[in-house]
Amino acid sequence: MLFGCFAPIAVSMPTLTTMAANGENGLLPLGVCAGSTMLAMSFYGGVFGCMPSTITWLFGGQYAGGIHGRMITAWSAASLLGPNTLTYLRARSYNQSAEELTSKIDPERFEKAFGSSPDHLSSLLKAKSVTIGRLMEIAPEGTMDPSPNLYDTTLYSMGGVLLVAFGVASALSPAGEKYLTAAAQPAAAAAAAAASSATAGAPVGLEGVAEGEGRMQVRPPPVVRSDAEKAVEEMEAAAAAPEPPNKQR
């Protein structure tokens, strides 16, 4: 559910950012963008809060602790891989935008501003000598600033991954009853064996089951008393018995 809510937010964020940068529809796009960002950040706590109950619902409670530990380990690995991937996508978008801006700028003007020809743009970008802000200063009038759209590829990639995660999560279903609690398996096996033996008419090993009048009759198991209980019962019976009449001489 949370993945399904986060995916539309990530996909719509570039459009909202562009509208806010261009001043379209007043402050509405900016408010929606800020509210969506806060909602997406709150999902992280929601995922951690729902994780234990989801594990118990899917796999039962016997191994919930071990499964939860593995999920936290996977989350830690994602926290290392995810930011690096997003940084790479953002850097690629930045370099592509810088190359597009450079193609619109007169080479002589570029060389005068940066002391090198546009052919060395890659090395200038790595050295931070050329930035999009400085390129916009010498770009022709009417050139759109690509800065608000630098994260478009990143956000679209996040939206695609979240949609895949939502599809996988939606396909999950609880494990079979026999996998939920291992402790219940011996009792279930004993009950199945008792039912099978009763159907076959074999009273061996089935205490309290007798056959009569063409059908199975269940009788309670015999009560086992300890020696102390038997002695107490005999004393009570002797006390309750009437005294014998005196013999006449």
C-alpha atoms as a PDB file:
ATOM      1  CA  MET A   1       0.000   0.000   0.000  1.00  0.00           C
ATOM      2  CA  LEU A   2       2.771   2.428   0.926  1.00  0.00           C
ATOM      3  CA  PHE A   3       4.738   1.565  -2.216  1.00  0.00           C
ATOM      4  CA  GLY A   4       1.617   2.158  -4.300  1.00  0.00           C
ATOM      5  CA  CYS A   5       1.145   5.627  -2.752  1.00  0.00           C
ATOM      6  CA  PHE A   6       4.794   6.626  -3.106  1.00  0.00           C
ATOM      7  CA  ALA A   7       5.093   5.739  -6.812  1.00  0.00           C
ATOM      8  CA  PRO A   8       2.614   8.404  -8.089  1.00  0.00           C
ATOM      9  CA  ILE A   9       4.289  10.992  -5.858  1.00  0.00           C
ATOM     10  CA  ALA A  10       7.712  10.255  -7.352  1.00  0.00           C
ATOM     11  CA  VAL A  11       6.400  10.263 -10.936  1.00  0.00           C
ATOM     12  CA  SER A  12       4.452  13.521 -10.544  1.00  0.00           C
ATOM     13  CA  MET A  13       7.253  15.397  -8.742  1.00  0.00           C
ATOM     14  CA  PRO A  14       9.073  16.570 -11.951  1.00  0.00           C
ATOM     15  CA  THR A  15       5.877  18.101 -13.321  1.00  0.00           C
ATOM     16  CA  LEU A  16       5.135  19.864 -10.032  1.00  0.00           C
ATOM     17  CA  THR A  17       8.713  21.149  -9.842  1.00  0.00           C
ATOM     18  CA  THR A  18       8.532  22.554 -13.363  1.00  0.00           C
ATOM     19  CA  MET A  19       5.203  24.255 -12.671  1.00  0.00           C
ATOM     20  CA  ALA A  20       6.523  25.763  -9.441  1.00  0.00           C
ATOM     21  CA  ALA A  21       9.708  27.016 -11.173  1.00  0.00           C
ATOM     22  CA  ASN A  22       7.696  28.639 -13.975  1.00  0.00           C
ATOM     23  CA  GLY A  23       5.247  30.214 -11.542  1.00  0.00           C
ATOM     24  CA  GLU A  24       2.222  28.439 -13.012  1.00  0.00           C
ATOM     25  CA  ASN A  25      -0.998  28.283 -10.929  1.00  0.00           C
ATOM     26  CA  GLY A  26       0.483  30.425  -8.177  1.00  0.00           C
ATOM     27  CA  LEU A  27       1.680  28.644  -5.050  1.00  0.00           C
ATOM     28  CA  LEU A  28      -0.452  25.546  -5.578  1.00  0.00           C
ATOM     29  CA  PRO A  29       2.269  23.414  -7.251  1.00  0.00           C
ATOM     30  CA  LEU A  30       4.784  24.426  -4.596  1.00  0.00           C
ATOM     31  CA  GLY A  31       2.371  23.493  -1.794  1.00  0.00           C
ATOM     32  CA  VAL A  32       1.514  20.160  -3.387  1.00  0.00           C
ATOM     33  CA  CYS A  33       5.213  19.436  -3.941  1.00  0.00           C
ATOM     34  CA  ALA A  34       6.104  20.233  -0.314  1.00  0.00           C
ATOM     35  CA  GLY A  35       3.151  18.243   1.049  1.00  0.00           C
ATOM     36  CA  SER A  36       3.960  15.250  -1.148  1.00  0.00           C
ATOM     37  CA  THR A  37       7.579  15.326  -0.018  1.00  0.00           C
ATOM     38  CA  MET A  38       6.575  15.322   3.651  1.00  0.00           C
ATOM     39  CA  LEU A  39       4.125  12.475   3.039  1.00  0.00           C
ATOM     40  CA  ALA A  40       6.799  10.423   1.255  1.00  0.00           C
ATOM     41  CA  MET A  41       9.248  10.949   4.128  1.00  0.00           C
ATOM     42  CA  SER A  42       6.631   9.747   6.615  1.00  0.00           C
ATOM     43  CA  PHE A  43       6.371   6.454   4.718  1.00  0.00           C
ATOM     44  CA  TYR A  44       9.731   5.352   6.077  1.00  0.00           C
ATOM     45  CA  GLY A  45       8.371   5.223   9.621  1.00  0.00           C
ATOM     46  CA  GLY A  46       5.190   3.598   8.344  1.00  0.00           C
ATOM     47  CA  VAL A  47       7.120   0.787   6.661  1.00  0.00           C
ATOM     48  CA  PHE A  48       9.065   0.033   9.844  1.00  0.00           C
ATOM     49  CA  GLY A  49       5.876   0.159  11.903  1.00  0.00           C
ATOM     50  CA  CYS A  50       3.997  -2.268   9.627  1.00  0.00           C
ATOM     51  CA  MET A  51       6.908  -4.675   9.111  1.00  0.00           C
ATOM     52  CA  PRO A  52       6.478  -6.886  12.241  1.00  0.00           C
ATOM     53  CA  SER A  53       2.733  -7.355  11.774  1.00  0.00           C
ATOM     54  CA  THR A  54       3.188  -8.041   8.058  1.00  0.00           C
ATOM     55  CA  ILE A  55       5.824 -10.699   8.779  1.00  0.00           C
ATOM     56  CA  THR A  56       3.541 -12.378  11.319  1.00  0.00           C
ATOM     57  CA  TRP A  57       0.614 -12.310   8.893  1.00  0.00           C
ATOM     58  CA  LEU A  58       2.659 -13.818   6.067  1.00  0.00           C
ATOM     59  CA  PHE A  59       4.911 -16.311   7.858  1.00  0.00           C
ATOM     60  CA  GLY A  60       3.486 -16.811  11.337  1.00  0.00           C
ATOM     61  CA  GLY A  61       4.980 -15.736  14.623  1.00  0.00           C
ATOM     62  CA  GLN A  62       7.432 -18.553  15.342  1.00  0.00           C
ATOM     63  CA  TYR A  63      10.272 -17.244  13.142  1.00  0.00           C
ATOM     64  CA  ALA A  64       9.203 -13.589  12.983  1.00  0.00           C
ATOM     65  CA  GLY A  65      12.342 -12.406  14.779  1.00  0.00           C
ATOM     66  CA  GLY A  66      14.751 -14.059  12.336  1.00  0.00           C
ATOM     67  CA  ILE A  67      12.788 -12.921   9.280  1.00  0.00           C
ATOM     68  CA  HIS A  68      12.632  -9.365  10.648  1.00  0.00           C
ATOM     69  CA  GLY A  69      16.412  -9.376  11.098  1.00  0.00           C
ATOM     70  CA  ARG A  70      16.946 -10.444   7.490  1.00  0.00           C
ATOM     71  CA  MET A  71      14.625  -7.718   6.245  1.00  0.00           C
ATOM     72  CA  ILE A  72      16.533  -5.100   8.248  1.00  0.00           C
ATOM     73  CA  THR A  73      19.773  -6.415   6.715  1.00  0.00           C
ATOM     74  CA  ALA A  74      18.287  -6.052   3.230  1.00  0.00           C
ATOM     75  CA  TRP A  75      17.133  -2.547   4.134  1.00  0.00           C
ATOM     76  CA  SER A  76      20.689  -1.663   5.207  1.00  0.00           C
ATOM     77  CA  ALA A  77      22.058  -2.903   1.886  1.00  0.00           C
ATOM     78  CA  ALA A  78      19.463  -0.810   0.036  1.00  0.00           C
ATOM     79  CA  SER A  79      20.467   2.260   2.069  1.00  0.00           C
ATOM     80  CA  LEU A  80      23.988   1.865   0.660  1.00  0.00           C
ATOM     81  CA  LEU A  81      23.073   0.995  -2.913  1.00  0.00           C
ATOM     82  CA  GLY A  82      20.117   3.376  -3.337  1.00  0.00           C
ATOM     83  CA  PRO A  83      21.805   6.751  -2.651  1.00  0.00           C
ATOM     84  CA  ASN A  84      24.794   5.825  -4.833  1.00  0.00           C
ATOM     85  CA  THR A  85      22.470   4.941  -7.702  1.00  0.00           C
ATOM     86  CA  LEU A  86      20.482   8.162  -7.310  1.00  0.00           C
ATOM     87  CA  THR A  87      23.704  10.213  -7.160  1.00  0.00           C
ATOM     88  CA  TYR A  88      24.884   8.607 -10.386  1.00  0.00           C
ATOM     89  CA  LEU A  89      21.593   9.357 -12.151  1.00  0.00           C
ATOM     90  CA  ARG A  90      21.643  12.961 -10.973  1.00  0.00           C
ATOM     91  CA  ALA A  91      25.267  13.435 -12.093  1.00  0.00           C
ATOM     92  CA  ARG A  92      24.456  12.024 -15.526  1.00  0.00           C
ATOM     93  CA  SER A  93      21.484  14.376 -15.892  1.00  0.00           C
ATOM     94  CA  TYR A  94      23.700  17.297 -14.815  1.00  0.00           C
ATOM     95  CA  ASN A  95      26.366  16.507 -17.419  1.00  0.00           C
ATOM     96  CA  GLN A  96      23.781  16.060 -20.168  1.00  0.00           C
ATOM     97  CA  SER A  97      22.170  19.411 -19.319  1.00  0.00           C
ATOM     98  CA  ALA A  98      25.584  21.105 -19.300  1.00  0.00           C
ATOM     99  CA  GLU A  99      26.381  19.637 -22.722  1.00  0.00           C
ATOM    100  CA  GLU A 100      23.051  20.869 -24.132  1.00  0.00           C
ATOM    101  CA  LEU A 101      23.703  24.358 -22.758  1.00  0.00           C
ATOM    102  CA  THR A 102      27.225  24.383 -24.175  1.00  0.00           C
ATOM    103  CA  SER A 103      25.936  23.473 -27.618  1.00  0.00           C
ATOM    104  CA  LYS A 104      23.842  26.671 -27.583  1.00  0.00           C
ATOM    105  CA  ILE A 105      26.743  28.920 -26.560  1.00  0.00           C
ATOM    106  CA  ASP A 106      29.186  30.498 -29.003  1.00  0.00           C
ATOM    107  CA  PRO A 107      32.536  28.588 -28.718  1.00  0.00           C
ATOM    108  CA  GLU A 108      34.540  31.852 -28.609  1.00  0.00           C
ATOM    109  CA  ARG A 109      32.405  33.154 -25.776  1.00  0.00           C
ATOM    110  CA  PHE A 110      32.770  29.855 -23.943  1.00  0.00           C
ATOM    111  CA  GLU A 111      36.563  29.903 -24.312  1.00  0.00           C
ATOM    112  CA  LYS A 112      36.719  33.509 -23.138  1.00  0.00           C
ATOM    113  CA  ALA A 113      34.668  32.710 -20.012  1.00  0.00           C
ATOM    114  CA  PHE A 114      36.395  29.465 -19.018  1.00  0.00           C
ATOM    115  CA  GLY A 115      39.802  29.677 -20.674  1.00  0.00           C
ATOM    116  CA  SER A 116      39.324  26.458 -22.613  1.00  0.00           C
ATOM    117  CA  SER A 117      37.425  25.189 -25.624  1.00  0.00           C
ATOM    118  CA  PRO A 118      34.097  23.333 -25.360  1.00  0.00           C
ATOM    119  CA  ASP A 119      35.951  20.147 -26.359  1.00  0.00           C
ATOM    120  CA  HIS A 120      37.300  19.946 -22.787  1.00  0.00           C
ATOM    121  CA  LEU A 121      33.883  20.251 -21.205  1.00  0.00           C
ATOM    122  CA  SER A 122      34.062  16.877 -19.431  1.00  0.00           C
ATOM    123  CA  SER A 123      37.285  17.701 -17.608  1.00  0.00           C
ATOM    124  CA  LEU A 124      35.996  21.179 -16.757  1.00  0.00           C
ATOM    125  CA  LEU A 125      32.842  19.679 -15.257  1.00  0.00           C
ATOM    126  CA  LYS A 126      34.860  17.235 -13.145  1.00  0.00           C
ATOM    127  CA  ALA A 127      37.013  20.090 -11.868  1.00  0.00           C
ATOM    128  CA  LYS A 128      33.860  22.152 -11.091  1.00  0.00           C
ATOM    129  CA  SER A 129      35.232  24.927 -13.293  1.00  0.00           C
ATOM    130  CA  VAL A 130      32.072  24.825 -15.383  1.00  0.00           C
ATOM    131  CA  THR A 131      28.653  24.808 -13.755  1.00  0.00           C
ATOM    132  CA  ILE A 132      25.149  25.194 -15.084  1.00  0.00           C
ATOM    133  CA  GLY A 133      24.853  28.516 -13.265  1.00  0.00           C
ATOM    134  CA  ARG A 134      27.919  29.932 -15.004  1.00  0.00           C
ATOM    135  CA  LEU A 135      26.793  28.546 -18.356  1.00  0.00           C
ATOM    136  CA  MET A 136      23.437  30.310 -17.941  1.00  0.00           C
ATOM    137  CA  GLU A 137      25.313  33.607 -17.544  1.00  0.00           C
ATOM    138  CA  ILE A 138      26.711  33.368 -21.071  1.00  0.00           C
ATOM    139  CA  ALA A 139      23.838  31.460 -22.677  1.00  0.00           C
ATOM    140  CA  PRO A 140      21.649  33.241 -25.271  1.00  0.00           C
ATOM    141  CA  GLU A 141      18.552  35.031 -24.042  1.00  0.00           C
ATOM    142  CA  GLY A 142      15.481  32.853 -23.684  1.00  0.00           C
ATOM    143  CA  THR A 143      17.467  29.744 -22.772  1.00  0.00           C
ATOM    144  CA  MET A 144      15.618  27.726 -20.160  1.00  0.00           C
ATOM    145  CA  ASP A 145      17.466  26.889 -16.959  1.00  0.00           C
ATOM    146  CA  PRO A 146      17.582  23.067 -16.676  1.00  0.00           C
ATOM    147  CA  SER A 147      18.290  23.110 -12.920  1.00  0.00           C
ATOM    148  CA  PRO A 148      14.693  22.359 -11.815  1.00  0.00           C
ATOM    149  CA  ASN A 149      14.680  19.212 -13.991  1.00  0.00           C
ATOM    150  CA  LEU A 150      17.972  17.662 -12.921  1.00  0.00           C
ATOM    151  CA  TYR A 151      16.192  15.039 -10.800  1.00  0.00           C
ATOM    152  CA  ASP A 152      13.612  14.028 -13.408  1.00  0.00           C
ATOM    153  CA  THR A 153      15.431  10.833 -14.418  1.00  0.00           C
ATOM    154  CA  THR A 154      16.056   9.990 -10.772  1.00  0.00           C
ATOM    155  CA  LEU A 155      12.417  10.403  -9.801  1.00  0.00           C
ATOM    156  CA  TYR A 156      11.108   8.475 -12.802  1.00  0.00           C
ATOM    157  CA  SER A 157      13.489   5.617 -11.966  1.00  0.00           C
ATOM    158  CA  MET A 158      12.305   5.644  -8.351  1.00  0.00           C
ATOM    159  CA  GLY A 159       8.691   5.561  -9.506  1.00  0.00           C
ATOM    160  CA  GLY A 160       9.372   2.550 -11.738  1.00  0.00           C
ATOM    161  CA  VAL A 161      11.130   0.628  -8.972  1.00  0.00           C
ATOM    162  CA  LEU A 162       8.318   1.427  -6.521  1.00  0.00           C
ATOM    163  CA  LEU A 163       5.689   0.229  -8.992  1.00  0.00           C
ATOM    164  CA  VAL A 164       7.556  -3.075  -9.313  1.00  0.00           C
ATOM    165  CA  ALA A 165       7.761  -3.313  -5.511  1.00  0.00           C
ATOM    166  CA  PHE A 166       4.031  -2.611  -5.242  1.00  0.00           C
ATOM    167  CA  GLY A 167       3.259  -5.378  -7.723  1.00  0.00           C
ATOM    168  CA  VAL A 168       5.444  -7.877  -5.867  1.00  0.00           C
ATOM    169  CA  ALA A 169       3.969  -6.909  -2.481  1.00  0.00           C
ATOM    170  CA  SER A 170       0.436  -7.233  -3.847  1.00  0.00           C
ATOM    171  CA  ALA A 171       1.173 -10.763  -5.069  1.00  0.00           C
ATOM    172  CA  LEU A 172       2.266 -11.948  -1.615  1.00  0.00           C
ATOM    173  CA  SER A 173      -0.124 -14.129   0.356  1.00  0.00           C
ATOM    174  CA  PRO A 174       0.142 -15.873   3.740  1.00  0.00           C
ATOM    175  CA  ALA A 175       2.032 -19.148   3.840  1.00  0.00           C
ATOM    176  CA  GLY A 176       0.151 -22.409   4.234  1.00  0.00           C
ATOM    177  CA  GLU A 177      -1.209 -23.364   7.633  1.00  0.00           C
ATOM    178  CA  LYS A 178       1.378 -26.112   8.077  1.00  0.00           C
ATOM    179  CA  TYR A 179       4.213 -23.585   7.727  1.00  0.00           C
ATOM    180  CA  LEU A 180       2.887 -20.985  10.157  1.00  0.00           C
ATOM    181  CA  THR A 181       3.549 -22.801  13.456  1.00  0.00           C
ATOM    182  CA  ALA A 182       5.793 -25.844  13.580  1.00  0.00           C
ATOM    183  CA  ALA A 183       4.646 -26.673  17.123  1.00  0.00           C
ATOM    184  CA  ALA A 184       1.146 -27.357  15.839  1.00  0.00           C
ATOM    185  CA  GLN A 185       2.315 -30.024  13.383  1.00  0.00           C
ATOM    186  CA  PRO A 186       2.662 -32.953  15.880  1.00  0.00           C
ATOM    187  CA  ALA A 187      -0.811 -32.312  17.284  1.00  0.00           C
ATOM    188  CA  ALA A 188      -2.266 -32.133  13.802  1.00  0.00           C
ATOM    189  CA  ALA A 189      -0.494 -35.355  12.810  1.00  0.00           C
ATOM    190  CA  ALA A 190      -1.768 -37.152  15.940  1.00  0.00           C
ATOM    191  CA  ALA A 191      -5.313 -36.006  15.287  1.00  0.00           C
ATOM    192  CA  ALA A 192      -5.102 -37.189  11.670  1.00  0.00           C
ATOM    193  CA  ALA A 193      -3.744 -40.598  12.761  1.00  0.00           C
ATOM    194  CA  ALA A 194      -6.514 -40.989  15.358  1.00  0.00           C
ATOM    195  CA  ALA A 195      -9.190 -40.176  12.802  1.00  0.00           C
ATOM    196  CA  SER A 196      -7.679 -42.621  10.315  1.00  0.00           C
ATOM    197  CA  SER A 197      -7.505 -45.459  12.869  1.00  0.00           C
ATOM    198  CA  ALA A 198     -11.067 -44.810  14.042  1.00  0.00           C
ATOM    199  CA  THR A 199     -12.339 -45.015  10.476  1.00  0.00           C
ATOM    200  CA  ALA A 200     -10.513 -48.320   9.964  1.00  0.00           C
ATOM    201  CA  GLY A 201     -12.097 -49.755  13.150  1.00  0.00           C
ATOM    202  CA  ALA A 202      -8.800 -50.399  14.923  1.00  0.00           C
ATOM    203  CA  PRO A 203      -9.083 -49.476  18.597  1.00  0.00           C
ATOM    204  CA  VAL A 204      -5.324 -49.940  19.165  1.00  0.00           C
ATOM    205  CA  GLY A 205      -3.824 -46.742  20.531  1.00  0.00           C
ATOM    206  CA  LEU A 206      -7.202 -45.023  20.755  1.00  0.00           C
ATOM    207  CA  GLU A 207      -8.051 -44.761  24.398  1.00  0.00           C
ATOM    208  CA  GLY A 208     -11.619 -43.841  25.068  1.00  0.00           C
ATOM    209  CA  VAL A 209     -12.941 -45.037  21.677  1.00  0.00           C
ATOM    210  CA  ALA A 210     -15.198 -48.129  21.571  1.00  0.00           C
ATOM    211  CA  GLU A 211     -17.408 -49.706  18.985  1.00  0.00           C
ATOM    212  CA  GLY A 212     -21.048 -50.297  19.676  1.00  0.00           C
ATOM    213  CA  GLU A 213     -24.308 -50.558  17.761  1.00  0.00           C
ATOM    214  CA  GLY A 214     -22.560 -50.170  14.420  1.00  0.00           C
ATOM    215  CA  ARG A 215     -20.997 -46.813  15.191  1.00  0.00           C
ATOM    216  CA  MET A 216     -18.097 -45.317  17.033  1.00  0.00           C
ATOM    217  CA  GLN A 217     -18.800 -44.310  20.615  1.00  0.00           C
ATOM    218  CA  VAL A 218     -16.462 -42.071  22.541  1.00  0.00           C
ATOM    219  CA  ARG A 219     -16.055 -42.782  26.240  1.00  0.00           C
ATOM    220  CA  PRO A 220     -14.053 -40.726  28.692  1.00  0.00           C
ATOM    221  CA  PRO A 221     -10.583 -41.992  29.581  1.00  0.00           C
ATOM    222  CA  PRO A 222     -10.230 -43.816  32.941  1.00  0.00           C
ATOM    223  CA  VAL A 223      -9.446 -41.669  35.959  1.00  0.00           C
ATOM    224  CA  VAL A 224      -6.083 -42.506  37.484  1.00  0.00           C
ATOM    225  CA  ARG A 225      -5.830 -41.899  41.269  1.00  0.00           C
ATOM    226  CA  SER A 226      -2.732 -41.847  43.351  1.00  0.00           C
ATOM    227  CA  ASP A 227      -2.230 -44.079  46.407  1.00  0.00           C
ATOM    228  CA  ALA A 228      -2.773 -41.136  48.749  1.00  0.00           C
ATOM    229  CA  GLU A 229      -6.104 -40.339  47.110  1.00  0.00           C
ATOM    230  CA  LYS A 230      -7.160 -43.993  47.363  1.00  0.00           C
ATOM    231  CA  ALA A 231      -6.268 -44.072  51.098  1.00  0.00           C
ATOM    232  CA  VAL A 232      -8.276 -40.901  51.750  1.00  0.00           C
ATOM    233  CA  GLU A 233     -11.272 -42.324  49.906  1.00  0.00           C
ATOM    234  CA  GLU A 234     -11.114 -45.584  51.939  1.00  0.00           C
ATOM    235  CA  MET A 235     -10.961 -43.631  55.207  1.00  0.00           C
ATOM    236  CA  GLU A 236     -13.961 -41.517  54.190  1.00  0.00           C
ATOM    237  CA  ALA A 237     -15.929 -44.629  53.189  1.00  0.00           C
ATOM    238  CA  ALA A 238     -15.116 -46.344  56.529  1.00  0.00           C
ATOM    239  CA  ALA A 239     -16.221 -43.273  58.492  1.00  0.00           C
ATOM    240  CA  ALA A 240     -19.482 -43.053  56.569  1.00  0.00           C
ATOM    241  CA  ALA A 241     -20.375 -46.750  56.998  1.00  0.00           C
ATOM    242  CA  PRO A 242     -22.962 -47.531  59.804  1.00  0.00           C
ATOM    243  CA  GLU A 243     -21.691 -49.176  62.937  1.00  0.00           C
ATOM    244  CA  PRO A 244     -22.658 -52.901  63.293  1.00  0.00           C
ATOM    245  CA  PRO A 245     -25.197 -53.709  66.101  1.00  0.00           C
ATOM    246  CA  ASN A 246     -23.815 -55.021  69.415  1.00  0.00           C
ATOM    247  CA  LYS A 247     -23.897 -58.777  69.676  1.00  0.00           C
ATOM    248  CA  GLN A 248     -26.184 -60.090  72.509  1.00  0.00           C
ATOM    249  CA  ARG A 249     -24.676 -62.498  74.991  1.00  0.00           C
END
